Amino acid sequence: MKVKPAPKSGRVTMEFDDRDEQLLQKAAPKPDPLPIRTILVPIDFSDYSYKSLDYAAAFGGQSKATITLLHVVPLNYVDTDLIAFDFTEIEREAANSAQSRLRKLIEDRIGGSIVADFLVRIGRPVDEIVSAAKERDSDLIIMSTHGYTGLKHAFLGSTTENVVRYAPCPVLTVRLKEHDFVPPTPRKGVA
């Protein structure tokens, strides 16, 4: 390292060579990334959930985490003896359709640089999200909130609020319109 007087009085200029750079790096090491290995992202195929997927891809890229997309097909609480529809078959078809859509989401919005997989479950969304987080030993759940208030919130409840309450790991909630840290991924015809 060389120290020289600067043109302005009372100041100096410092010149570093390669050895000095190495010493400075050892003296001030960069912090390790957060130890996030697995991220669970509930997907309902809304713009809200796509935004949470963008956040998960950013976190996954920085921490080299595996991302699991989870879609829950809600159970139909209808007595099948009273109607002519086979809701079990409808739920199964909805699950098969969701698998195709999730594969396409991984391909279009995550790509090959991050390890990603998906789950499709049939049940109550809160229960299935919490259960999947426990089974996968998730370090983080990233999910959207629709921001319902008033009567809509009272009647629909909040899946996100209940997941936050019962999850075995931290939950990052993302709103559609907020200050963004992650730029949105352009959509490639994802339905």
N, C-alpha and C. Protein backbone atom coordinates (compact mmCIF):
# COMPACT_ATOMS: atom_id res chain seq x y z
N MET A 1 0.84 -1.16 0.00
CA MET A 1 0.00 0.00 0.00
C MET A 1 0.89 1.23 0.00
N LYS A 2 0.51 2.19 -0.85
CA LYS A 2 1.26 3.45 -0.93
C LYS A 2 0.33 4.57 -0.51
N VAL A 3 0.87 5.48 0.28
CA VAL A 3 0.10 6.65 0.71
C VAL A 3 0.80 7.87 0.15
N LYS A 4 0.02 8.72 -0.56
CA LYS A 4 0.56 9.93 -1.16
C LYS A 4 -0.29 11.12 -0.75
N PRO A 5 0.32 12.28 -0.69
CA PRO A 5 -0.50 13.47 -0.41
C PRO A 5 -1.47 13.74 -1.56
N ALA A 6 -2.68 14.15 -1.22
CA ALA A 6 -3.69 14.47 -2.23
C ALA A 6 -3.59 15.94 -2.60
N PRO A 7 -4.19 16.33 -3.74
CA PRO A 7 -4.13 17.74 -4.15
C PRO A 7 -4.73 18.68 -3.11
N LYS A 8 -5.80 18.24 -2.41
CA LYS A 8 -6.38 19.10 -1.37
C LYS A 8 -5.58 18.92 -0.10
N SER A 9 -5.36 20.01 0.60
CA SER A 9 -4.55 19.93 1.80
C SER A 9 -5.29 19.17 2.89
N GLY A 10 -4.55 18.39 3.66
CA GLY A 10 -5.11 17.61 4.76
C GLY A 10 -5.68 16.26 4.32
N ARG A 11 -5.50 15.90 3.05
CA ARG A 11 -6.01 14.62 2.55
C ARG A 11 -4.87 13.81 1.95
N VAL A 12 -5.12 12.47 1.88
CA VAL A 12 -4.14 11.58 1.28
C VAL A 12 -4.83 10.67 0.28
N THR A 13 -4.03 10.13 -0.63
CA THR A 13 -4.50 9.14 -1.59
C THR A 13 -3.81 7.84 -1.26
N MET A 14 -4.61 6.74 -1.27
CA MET A 14 -4.04 5.43 -0.96
C MET A 14 -4.13 4.56 -2.21
N GLU A 15 -3.04 3.89 -2.53
CA GLU A 15 -3.01 2.96 -3.66
C GLU A 15 -2.81 1.55 -3.11
N PHE A 16 -3.62 0.62 -3.62
CA PHE A 16 -3.55 -0.77 -3.16
C PHE A 16 -3.05 -1.65 -4.27
N ASP A 17 -2.33 -2.69 -3.89
CA ASP A 17 -1.98 -3.71 -4.88
C ASP A 17 -2.77 -4.99 -4.53
N ASP A 18 -2.54 -6.09 -5.24
CA ASP A 18 -3.32 -7.33 -5.06
C ASP A 18 -3.22 -7.88 -3.64
N ARG A 19 -2.04 -7.83 -3.05
CA ARG A 19 -1.88 -8.35 -1.69
C ARG A 19 -2.70 -7.54 -0.69
N ASP A 20 -2.75 -6.23 -0.88
CA ASP A 20 -3.54 -5.38 0.01
C ASP A 20 -5.02 -5.71 -0.09
N GLU A 21 -5.51 -5.98 -1.31
CA GLU A 21 -6.91 -6.34 -1.52
C GLU A 21 -7.24 -7.62 -0.77
N GLN A 22 -6.34 -8.60 -0.82
CA GLN A 22 -6.58 -9.86 -0.13
C GLN A 22 -6.63 -9.65 1.39
N LEU A 23 -5.75 -8.82 1.91
CA LEU A 23 -5.75 -8.53 3.35
C LEU A 23 -7.05 -7.84 3.76
N LEU A 24 -7.52 -6.91 2.93
CA LEU A 24 -8.76 -6.20 3.26
C LEU A 24 -9.96 -7.15 3.24
N GLN A 25 -9.96 -8.08 2.30
CA GLN A 25 -11.06 -9.04 2.24
C GLN A 25 -11.07 -9.95 3.46
N LYS A 26 -9.90 -10.34 3.94
CA LYS A 26 -9.83 -11.17 5.13
C LYS A 26 -10.25 -10.39 6.37
N ALA A 27 -9.89 -9.11 6.41
CA ALA A 27 -10.22 -8.28 7.57
C ALA A 27 -11.71 -8.00 7.65
N ALA A 28 -12.38 -7.88 6.53
CA ALA A 28 -13.82 -7.59 6.51
C ALA A 28 -14.53 -8.62 5.64
N PRO A 29 -14.70 -9.84 6.16
CA PRO A 29 -15.34 -10.87 5.33
C PRO A 29 -16.81 -10.53 5.07
N LYS A 30 -17.28 -11.02 3.94
CA LYS A 30 -18.69 -10.82 3.61
C LYS A 30 -19.52 -11.77 4.47
N PRO A 31 -20.68 -11.29 4.91
CA PRO A 31 -21.51 -12.18 5.72
C PRO A 31 -22.05 -13.34 4.88
N ASP A 32 -22.20 -14.48 5.51
CA ASP A 32 -22.78 -15.62 4.82
C ASP A 32 -24.25 -15.34 4.52
N PRO A 33 -24.76 -15.91 3.43
CA PRO A 33 -26.19 -15.74 3.17
C PRO A 33 -27.00 -16.45 4.24
N LEU A 34 -28.26 -16.04 4.37
CA LEU A 34 -29.13 -16.70 5.34
C LEU A 34 -29.17 -18.20 5.06
N PRO A 35 -29.18 -19.00 6.09
CA PRO A 35 -29.16 -20.46 5.87
C PRO A 35 -30.54 -21.00 5.49
N ILE A 36 -31.07 -20.53 4.38
CA ILE A 36 -32.37 -20.99 3.89
C ILE A 36 -32.10 -22.08 2.87
N ARG A 37 -32.58 -23.29 3.17
CA ARG A 37 -32.37 -24.43 2.26
C ARG A 37 -33.62 -24.80 1.48
N THR A 38 -34.78 -24.60 2.11
CA THR A 38 -36.04 -24.98 1.46
C THR A 38 -37.08 -23.89 1.64
N ILE A 39 -37.73 -23.54 0.54
CA ILE A 39 -38.77 -22.50 0.54
C ILE A 39 -40.05 -23.12 -0.01
N LEU A 40 -41.13 -22.93 0.70
CA LEU A 40 -42.44 -23.40 0.26
C LEU A 40 -43.24 -22.20 -0.24
N VAL A 41 -43.82 -22.33 -1.44
CA VAL A 41 -44.59 -21.24 -2.03
C VAL A 41 -45.98 -21.74 -2.41
N PRO A 42 -47.01 -21.41 -1.62
CA PRO A 42 -48.37 -21.76 -2.03
C PRO A 42 -48.78 -20.97 -3.27
N ILE A 43 -49.35 -21.67 -4.25
CA ILE A 43 -49.72 -21.06 -5.52
C ILE A 43 -51.20 -21.32 -5.77
N ASP A 44 -51.96 -20.24 -6.01
CA ASP A 44 -53.36 -20.41 -6.40
C ASP A 44 -53.61 -19.90 -7.82
N PHE A 45 -52.53 -19.66 -8.54
CA PHE A 45 -52.55 -19.21 -9.94
C PHE A 45 -53.12 -17.80 -10.10
N SER A 46 -53.05 -17.01 -9.05
CA SER A 46 -53.45 -15.60 -9.14
C SER A 46 -52.19 -14.75 -9.32
N ASP A 47 -52.37 -13.50 -9.73
CA ASP A 47 -51.23 -12.59 -9.83
C ASP A 47 -50.55 -12.42 -8.48
N TYR A 48 -51.33 -12.51 -7.41
CA TYR A 48 -50.77 -12.40 -6.07
C TYR A 48 -49.75 -13.52 -5.82
N SER A 49 -50.14 -14.74 -6.16
CA SER A 49 -49.23 -15.85 -5.89
C SER A 49 -48.03 -15.85 -6.83
N TYR A 50 -48.19 -15.31 -8.04
CA TYR A 50 -47.05 -15.19 -8.95
C TYR A 50 -46.01 -14.23 -8.38
N LYS A 51 -46.50 -13.20 -7.72
CA LYS A 51 -45.56 -12.25 -7.12
C LYS A 51 -44.78 -12.92 -5.98
N SER A 52 -45.46 -13.75 -5.18
CA SER A 52 -44.73 -14.45 -4.11
C SER A 52 -43.72 -15.42 -4.70
N LEU A 53 -44.02 -15.99 -5.87
CA LEU A 53 -43.07 -16.87 -6.54
C LEU A 53 -41.83 -16.10 -7.00
N ASP A 54 -42.03 -14.87 -7.48
CA ASP A 54 -40.88 -14.02 -7.86
C ASP A 54 -39.97 -13.77 -6.66
N TYR A 55 -40.58 -13.51 -5.49
CA TYR A 55 -39.78 -13.33 -4.27
C TYR A 55 -39.03 -14.61 -3.91
N ALA A 56 -39.72 -15.73 -4.02
CA ALA A 56 -39.08 -17.01 -3.69
C ALA A 56 -37.91 -17.29 -4.62
N ALA A 57 -38.07 -16.98 -5.91
CA ALA A 57 -36.97 -17.19 -6.86
C ALA A 57 -35.77 -16.32 -6.49
N ALA A 58 -36.02 -15.10 -6.05
CA ALA A 58 -34.92 -14.22 -5.65
C ALA A 58 -34.22 -14.76 -4.40
N PHE A 59 -35.00 -15.16 -3.40
CA PHE A 59 -34.42 -15.74 -2.19
C PHE A 59 -33.68 -17.03 -2.52
N GLY A 60 -34.30 -17.87 -3.33
CA GLY A 60 -33.69 -19.14 -3.70
C GLY A 60 -32.40 -18.96 -4.47
N GLY A 61 -32.36 -17.96 -5.34
CA GLY A 61 -31.15 -17.69 -6.10
C GLY A 61 -30.01 -17.24 -5.21
N GLN A 62 -30.30 -16.43 -4.21
CA GLN A 62 -29.25 -15.93 -3.31
C GLN A 62 -28.78 -16.99 -2.32
N SER A 63 -29.70 -17.80 -1.83
CA SER A 63 -29.32 -18.75 -0.78
C SER A 63 -29.17 -20.18 -1.28
N LYS A 64 -29.33 -20.38 -2.60
CA LYS A 64 -29.22 -21.73 -3.20
C LYS A 64 -30.24 -22.69 -2.60
N ALA A 65 -31.43 -22.18 -2.28
CA ALA A 65 -32.48 -22.99 -1.67
C ALA A 65 -33.30 -23.71 -2.74
N THR A 66 -33.90 -24.80 -2.34
CA THR A 66 -34.85 -25.52 -3.18
C THR A 66 -36.22 -24.89 -2.96
N ILE A 67 -36.94 -24.66 -4.05
CA ILE A 67 -38.27 -24.06 -3.98
C ILE A 67 -39.30 -25.14 -4.29
N THR A 68 -40.29 -25.24 -3.42
CA THR A 68 -41.40 -26.16 -3.65
C THR A 68 -42.67 -25.34 -3.84
N LEU A 69 -43.30 -25.48 -5.00
CA LEU A 69 -44.58 -24.84 -5.27
C LEU A 69 -45.67 -25.78 -4.79
N LEU A 70 -46.65 -25.25 -4.08
CA LEU A 70 -47.74 -26.06 -3.55
C LEU A 70 -49.07 -25.48 -3.99
N HIS A 71 -49.87 -26.31 -4.63
CA HIS A 71 -51.24 -25.92 -4.97
C HIS A 71 -52.18 -26.82 -4.22
N VAL A 72 -53.18 -26.22 -3.57
CA VAL A 72 -54.16 -26.98 -2.82
C VAL A 72 -55.51 -26.88 -3.52
N VAL A 73 -56.03 -28.03 -3.90
CA VAL A 73 -57.38 -28.11 -4.46
C VAL A 73 -58.31 -28.23 -3.27
N PRO A 74 -59.21 -27.24 -3.07
CA PRO A 74 -60.07 -27.29 -1.89
C PRO A 74 -61.06 -28.45 -1.96
N LEU A 75 -61.32 -29.02 -0.80
CA LEU A 75 -62.32 -30.09 -0.71
C LEU A 75 -63.71 -29.52 -0.94
N ASN A 76 -64.57 -30.30 -1.55
CA ASN A 76 -65.96 -29.91 -1.71
C ASN A 76 -66.75 -30.56 -0.59
N TYR A 77 -67.40 -29.74 0.21
CA TYR A 77 -68.16 -30.24 1.35
C TYR A 77 -69.63 -30.37 0.97
N VAL A 78 -69.89 -31.20 -0.02
CA VAL A 78 -71.25 -31.39 -0.50
C VAL A 78 -71.57 -32.88 -0.38
N ASP A 79 -72.76 -33.19 0.06
CA ASP A 79 -73.20 -34.58 0.14
C ASP A 79 -73.42 -35.10 -1.27
N THR A 80 -72.55 -36.02 -1.70
CA THR A 80 -72.61 -36.50 -3.08
C THR A 80 -73.84 -37.36 -3.36
N ASP A 81 -74.57 -37.78 -2.31
CA ASP A 81 -75.80 -38.54 -2.53
C ASP A 81 -76.91 -37.64 -3.06
N LEU A 82 -76.81 -36.35 -2.81
CA LEU A 82 -77.86 -35.42 -3.20
C LEU A 82 -77.67 -34.84 -4.59
N ILE A 83 -76.49 -34.99 -5.16
CA ILE A 83 -76.23 -34.40 -6.47
C ILE A 83 -75.67 -35.43 -7.44
N ALA A 84 -75.69 -35.09 -8.69
CA ALA A 84 -75.27 -36.05 -9.72
C ALA A 84 -73.79 -35.94 -10.08
N PHE A 85 -73.06 -35.02 -9.47
CA PHE A 85 -71.65 -34.84 -9.81
C PHE A 85 -70.77 -35.73 -8.94
N ASP A 86 -69.70 -36.21 -9.52
CA ASP A 86 -68.71 -36.97 -8.77
C ASP A 86 -67.58 -36.01 -8.40
N PHE A 87 -67.69 -35.40 -7.21
CA PHE A 87 -66.72 -34.39 -6.82
C PHE A 87 -65.33 -34.97 -6.63
N THR A 88 -65.23 -36.23 -6.29
CA THR A 88 -63.91 -36.86 -6.16
C THR A 88 -63.19 -36.83 -7.51
N GLU A 89 -63.92 -37.15 -8.58
CA GLU A 89 -63.33 -37.11 -9.92
C GLU A 89 -62.99 -35.68 -10.33
N ILE A 90 -63.85 -34.72 -9.99
CA ILE A 90 -63.59 -33.31 -10.31
C ILE A 90 -62.34 -32.84 -9.57
N GLU A 91 -62.19 -33.20 -8.29
CA GLU A 91 -60.99 -32.83 -7.53
C GLU A 91 -59.75 -33.45 -8.15
N ARG A 92 -59.85 -34.72 -8.58
CA ARG A 92 -58.71 -35.40 -9.20
C ARG A 92 -58.31 -34.72 -10.51
N GLU A 93 -59.29 -34.34 -11.31
CA GLU A 93 -59.00 -33.63 -12.57
C GLU A 93 -58.39 -32.26 -12.30
N ALA A 94 -58.90 -31.57 -11.28
CA ALA A 94 -58.32 -30.27 -10.92
C ALA A 94 -56.87 -30.44 -10.47
N ALA A 95 -56.58 -31.50 -9.74
CA ALA A 95 -55.20 -31.77 -9.30
C ALA A 95 -54.30 -32.04 -10.49
N ASN A 96 -54.76 -32.84 -11.45
CA ASN A 96 -53.96 -33.13 -12.65
C ASN A 96 -53.69 -31.86 -13.46
N SER A 97 -54.70 -31.03 -13.59
CA SER A 97 -54.53 -29.76 -14.31
C SER A 97 -53.51 -28.86 -13.59
N ALA A 98 -53.60 -28.83 -12.26
CA ALA A 98 -52.67 -28.01 -11.47
C ALA A 98 -51.24 -28.48 -11.65
N GLN A 99 -51.02 -29.79 -11.75
CA GLN A 99 -49.67 -30.30 -11.95
C GLN A 99 -49.07 -29.76 -13.25
N SER A 100 -49.84 -29.76 -14.31
CA SER A 100 -49.35 -29.24 -15.59
C SER A 100 -49.02 -27.76 -15.48
N ARG A 101 -49.90 -27.01 -14.83
CA ARG A 101 -49.68 -25.57 -14.69
C ARG A 101 -48.45 -25.28 -13.83
N LEU A 102 -48.23 -26.07 -12.79
CA LEU A 102 -47.07 -25.87 -11.92
C LEU A 102 -45.77 -26.18 -12.66
N ARG A 103 -45.77 -27.24 -13.46
CA ARG A 103 -44.57 -27.54 -14.27
C ARG A 103 -44.23 -26.36 -15.17
N LYS A 104 -45.25 -25.79 -15.80
CA LYS A 104 -45.05 -24.66 -16.70
C LYS A 104 -44.55 -23.43 -15.93
N LEU A 105 -45.10 -23.21 -14.74
CA LEU A 105 -44.63 -22.09 -13.90
C LEU A 105 -43.16 -22.23 -13.56
N ILE A 106 -42.75 -23.43 -13.19
CA ILE A 106 -41.34 -23.65 -12.86
C ILE A 106 -40.47 -23.36 -14.08
N GLU A 107 -40.88 -23.84 -15.22
CA GLU A 107 -40.14 -23.63 -16.46
C GLU A 107 -40.07 -22.14 -16.84
N ASP A 108 -41.20 -21.45 -16.75
CA ASP A 108 -41.28 -20.06 -17.22
C ASP A 108 -40.78 -19.03 -16.23
N ARG A 109 -41.00 -19.25 -14.93
CA ARG A 109 -40.70 -18.20 -13.96
C ARG A 109 -39.48 -18.49 -13.10
N ILE A 110 -39.04 -19.74 -13.04
CA ILE A 110 -37.87 -20.06 -12.21
C ILE A 110 -36.69 -20.46 -13.08
N GLY A 111 -36.93 -21.28 -14.08
CA GLY A 111 -35.84 -21.71 -14.96
C GLY A 111 -35.03 -22.83 -14.34
N GLY A 112 -33.87 -23.07 -14.93
CA GLY A 112 -33.05 -24.20 -14.51
C GLY A 112 -31.97 -23.86 -13.51
N SER A 113 -31.78 -22.60 -13.17
CA SER A 113 -30.68 -22.24 -12.28
C SER A 113 -31.01 -22.50 -10.81
N ILE A 114 -32.29 -22.70 -10.49
CA ILE A 114 -32.72 -22.95 -9.12
C ILE A 114 -33.44 -24.30 -9.10
N VAL A 115 -33.16 -25.10 -8.09
CA VAL A 115 -33.83 -26.39 -7.97
C VAL A 115 -35.27 -26.13 -7.49
N ALA A 116 -36.24 -26.66 -8.23
CA ALA A 116 -37.64 -26.45 -7.87
C ALA A 116 -38.44 -27.72 -8.15
N ASP A 117 -39.44 -27.94 -7.31
CA ASP A 117 -40.38 -29.03 -7.51
C ASP A 117 -41.77 -28.55 -7.12
N PHE A 118 -42.74 -29.44 -7.15
CA PHE A 118 -44.10 -29.01 -6.82
C PHE A 118 -44.87 -30.13 -6.13
N LEU A 119 -45.91 -29.71 -5.42
CA LEU A 119 -46.85 -30.61 -4.77
C LEU A 119 -48.25 -30.15 -5.10
N VAL A 120 -49.16 -31.09 -5.26
CA VAL A 120 -50.57 -30.78 -5.38
C VAL A 120 -51.28 -31.61 -4.34
N ARG A 121 -52.09 -30.94 -3.54
CA ARG A 121 -52.83 -31.62 -2.48
C ARG A 121 -54.30 -31.24 -2.56
N ILE A 122 -55.12 -32.11 -2.03
CA ILE A 122 -56.55 -31.86 -1.94
C ILE A 122 -56.89 -31.76 -0.47
N GLY A 123 -57.51 -30.65 -0.07
CA GLY A 123 -57.84 -30.47 1.34
C GLY A 123 -58.11 -29.03 1.67
N ARG A 124 -58.04 -28.73 2.95
CA ARG A 124 -58.22 -27.36 3.43
C ARG A 124 -56.88 -26.64 3.28
N PRO A 125 -56.84 -25.51 2.56
CA PRO A 125 -55.56 -24.87 2.25
C PRO A 125 -54.65 -24.64 3.46
N VAL A 126 -55.17 -24.10 4.55
CA VAL A 126 -54.31 -23.82 5.72
C VAL A 126 -53.67 -25.11 6.22
N ASP A 127 -54.47 -26.16 6.37
CA ASP A 127 -53.95 -27.42 6.89
C ASP A 127 -52.89 -28.02 5.96
N GLU A 128 -53.14 -27.96 4.67
CA GLU A 128 -52.21 -28.56 3.70
C GLU A 128 -50.91 -27.77 3.60
N ILE A 129 -50.99 -26.45 3.69
CA ILE A 129 -49.77 -25.63 3.64
C ILE A 129 -48.90 -25.89 4.86
N VAL A 130 -49.51 -25.89 6.04
CA VAL A 130 -48.77 -26.12 7.28
C VAL A 130 -48.19 -27.54 7.29
N SER A 131 -48.99 -28.50 6.86
CA SER A 131 -48.53 -29.89 6.81
C SER A 131 -47.35 -30.06 5.85
N ALA A 132 -47.44 -29.45 4.67
CA ALA A 132 -46.35 -29.55 3.69
C ALA A 132 -45.08 -28.90 4.22
N ALA A 133 -45.22 -27.77 4.92
CA ALA A 133 -44.05 -27.10 5.49
C ALA A 133 -43.36 -27.98 6.52
N LYS A 134 -44.16 -28.69 7.31
CA LYS A 134 -43.58 -29.60 8.32
C LYS A 134 -42.90 -30.79 7.63
N GLU A 135 -43.61 -31.40 6.68
CA GLU A 135 -43.07 -32.59 6.01
C GLU A 135 -41.80 -32.28 5.23
N ARG A 136 -41.74 -31.13 4.61
CA ARG A 136 -40.58 -30.75 3.80
C ARG A 136 -39.50 -30.08 4.63
N ASP A 137 -39.74 -29.89 5.91
CA ASP A 137 -38.80 -29.20 6.79
C ASP A 137 -38.43 -27.84 6.19
N SER A 138 -39.45 -27.11 5.78
CA SER A 138 -39.24 -25.81 5.13
C SER A 138 -38.62 -24.80 6.09
N ASP A 139 -37.70 -24.02 5.56
CA ASP A 139 -37.08 -22.96 6.34
C ASP A 139 -37.86 -21.66 6.24
N LEU A 140 -38.67 -21.54 5.18
CA LEU A 140 -39.40 -20.30 4.92
C LEU A 140 -40.60 -20.60 4.04
N ILE A 141 -41.72 -19.95 4.35
CA ILE A 141 -42.88 -19.97 3.48
C ILE A 141 -43.03 -18.56 2.93
N ILE A 142 -43.15 -18.45 1.63
CA ILE A 142 -43.40 -17.13 1.02
C ILE A 142 -44.75 -17.23 0.34
N MET A 143 -45.69 -16.40 0.80
CA MET A 143 -47.03 -16.45 0.22
C MET A 143 -47.63 -15.07 0.15
N SER A 144 -48.63 -14.97 -0.69
CA SER A 144 -49.27 -13.69 -0.90
C SER A 144 -50.45 -13.52 0.03
N THR A 145 -50.83 -12.27 0.18
CA THR A 145 -52.05 -11.95 0.91
C THR A 145 -52.88 -11.08 -0.02
N HIS A 146 -54.16 -11.38 -0.07
CA HIS A 146 -55.05 -10.63 -0.96
C HIS A 146 -55.47 -9.31 -0.34
N GLY A 147 -55.25 -9.14 0.95
CA GLY A 147 -55.54 -7.87 1.59
C GLY A 147 -57.02 -7.60 1.79
N TYR A 148 -57.82 -8.65 1.94
CA TYR A 148 -59.25 -8.44 2.19
C TYR A 148 -59.45 -7.78 3.54
N THR A 149 -60.45 -6.90 3.60
CA THR A 149 -60.80 -6.25 4.86
C THR A 149 -62.32 -6.31 5.02
N GLY A 150 -62.77 -5.93 6.18
CA GLY A 150 -64.20 -5.80 6.41
C GLY A 150 -64.96 -7.11 6.24
N LEU A 151 -66.12 -7.03 5.57
CA LEU A 151 -67.00 -8.19 5.43
C LEU A 151 -66.35 -9.32 4.64
N LYS A 152 -65.60 -8.96 3.61
CA LYS A 152 -64.96 -10.00 2.80
C LYS A 152 -64.00 -10.82 3.67
N HIS A 153 -63.25 -10.13 4.53
CA HIS A 153 -62.32 -10.83 5.43
C HIS A 153 -63.09 -11.68 6.44
N ALA A 154 -64.20 -11.13 6.95
CA ALA A 154 -64.99 -11.85 7.95
C ALA A 154 -65.59 -13.13 7.37
N PHE A 155 -66.05 -13.08 6.14
CA PHE A 155 -66.68 -14.25 5.53
C PHE A 155 -65.66 -15.23 4.97
N LEU A 156 -64.60 -14.73 4.33
CA LEU A 156 -63.63 -15.60 3.69
C LEU A 156 -62.52 -16.03 4.64
N GLY A 157 -62.29 -15.23 5.69
CA GLY A 157 -61.16 -15.52 6.56
C GLY A 157 -59.87 -15.21 5.82
N SER A 158 -58.78 -15.51 6.42
CA SER A 158 -57.51 -15.26 5.76
C SER A 158 -56.64 -16.50 5.86
N THR A 159 -56.43 -17.13 4.73
CA THR A 159 -55.54 -18.29 4.69
C THR A 159 -54.16 -17.89 5.17
N THR A 160 -53.66 -16.76 4.66
CA THR A 160 -52.33 -16.30 5.03
C THR A 160 -52.22 -16.06 6.53
N GLU A 161 -53.22 -15.41 7.09
CA GLU A 161 -53.21 -15.12 8.53
C GLU A 161 -53.14 -16.41 9.35
N ASN A 162 -53.88 -17.42 8.95
CA ASN A 162 -53.87 -18.68 9.68
C ASN A 162 -52.58 -19.46 9.45
N VAL A 163 -52.00 -19.37 8.27
CA VAL A 163 -50.70 -20.02 8.04
C VAL A 163 -49.65 -19.37 8.92
N VAL A 164 -49.66 -18.04 9.01
CA VAL A 164 -48.71 -17.35 9.88
C VAL A 164 -48.87 -17.84 11.32
N ARG A 165 -50.09 -18.04 11.73
CA ARG A 165 -50.38 -18.47 13.10
C ARG A 165 -49.88 -19.89 13.39
N TYR A 166 -50.00 -20.81 12.42
CA TYR A 166 -49.72 -22.23 12.70
C TYR A 166 -48.47 -22.79 12.02
N ALA A 167 -47.80 -22.02 11.20
CA ALA A 167 -46.64 -22.52 10.46
C ALA A 167 -45.48 -22.88 11.38
N PRO A 168 -44.71 -23.90 11.00
CA PRO A 168 -43.56 -24.31 11.80
C PRO A 168 -42.29 -23.52 11.48
N CYS A 169 -42.41 -22.51 10.61
CA CYS A 169 -41.24 -21.73 10.19
C CYS A 169 -41.69 -20.30 9.91
N PRO A 170 -40.76 -19.38 9.67
CA PRO A 170 -41.15 -18.01 9.33
C PRO A 170 -41.96 -17.96 8.03
N VAL A 171 -42.85 -16.98 7.96
CA VAL A 171 -43.69 -16.77 6.78
C VAL A 171 -43.49 -15.34 6.31
N LEU A 172 -43.06 -15.20 5.06
CA LEU A 172 -42.95 -13.89 4.44
C LEU A 172 -44.21 -13.66 3.63
N THR A 173 -44.96 -12.62 3.97
CA THR A 173 -46.17 -12.32 3.22
C THR A 173 -45.90 -11.20 2.23
N VAL A 174 -46.45 -11.35 1.04
CA VAL A 174 -46.21 -10.41 -0.05
C VAL A 174 -47.56 -9.90 -0.54
N ARG A 175 -47.67 -8.60 -0.68
CA ARG A 175 -48.89 -8.01 -1.25
C ARG A 175 -48.63 -7.64 -2.69
N LEU A 176 -49.69 -7.60 -3.48
CA LEU A 176 -49.54 -7.31 -4.90
C LEU A 176 -49.02 -5.89 -5.12
N LYS A 177 -49.58 -4.93 -4.41
CA LYS A 177 -49.17 -3.53 -4.59
C LYS A 177 -48.46 -3.07 -3.33
N GLU A 178 -47.15 -3.00 -3.43
CA GLU A 178 -46.32 -2.60 -2.31
C GLU A 178 -44.99 -2.09 -2.84
N HIS A 179 -44.14 -1.66 -1.95
CA HIS A 179 -42.77 -1.32 -2.32
C HIS A 179 -42.06 -2.62 -2.66
N ASP A 180 -41.60 -2.74 -3.88
CA ASP A 180 -41.00 -4.00 -4.33
C ASP A 180 -39.49 -3.99 -4.18
N PHE A 181 -38.97 -5.12 -3.71
CA PHE A 181 -37.53 -5.36 -3.69
C PHE A 181 -37.13 -6.26 -4.84
N VAL A 182 -38.12 -6.97 -5.38
CA VAL A 182 -37.87 -7.94 -6.43
C VAL A 182 -38.64 -7.52 -7.67
N PRO A 183 -37.95 -7.38 -8.81
CA PRO A 183 -38.69 -7.02 -10.03
C PRO A 183 -39.56 -8.19 -10.48
N PRO A 184 -40.74 -7.90 -11.05
CA PRO A 184 -41.60 -8.99 -11.50
C PRO A 184 -40.99 -9.73 -12.69
N THR A 185 -41.25 -11.03 -12.75
CA THR A 185 -40.81 -11.85 -13.86
C THR A 185 -41.80 -11.68 -14.99
N PRO A 186 -41.34 -11.39 -16.21
CA PRO A 186 -42.28 -11.28 -17.32
C PRO A 186 -42.99 -12.61 -17.54
N ARG A 187 -44.27 -12.53 -17.78
CA ARG A 187 -45.05 -13.76 -17.98
C ARG A 187 -44.91 -14.24 -19.40
N LYS A 188 -44.74 -15.56 -19.55
CA LYS A 188 -44.60 -16.17 -20.87
C LYS A 188 -45.83 -16.99 -21.18
N GLY A 189 -46.98 -16.35 -21.15
CA GLY A 189 -48.21 -17.06 -21.50
C GLY A 189 -48.67 -18.02 -20.43
N VAL A 190 -48.29 -17.80 -19.16
CA VAL A 190 -48.73 -18.67 -18.09
C VAL A 190 -50.18 -18.37 -17.80
N ALA A 191 -51.00 -19.40 -17.79
CA ALA A 191 -52.43 -19.22 -17.53
C ALA A 191 -52.72 -19.31 -16.07
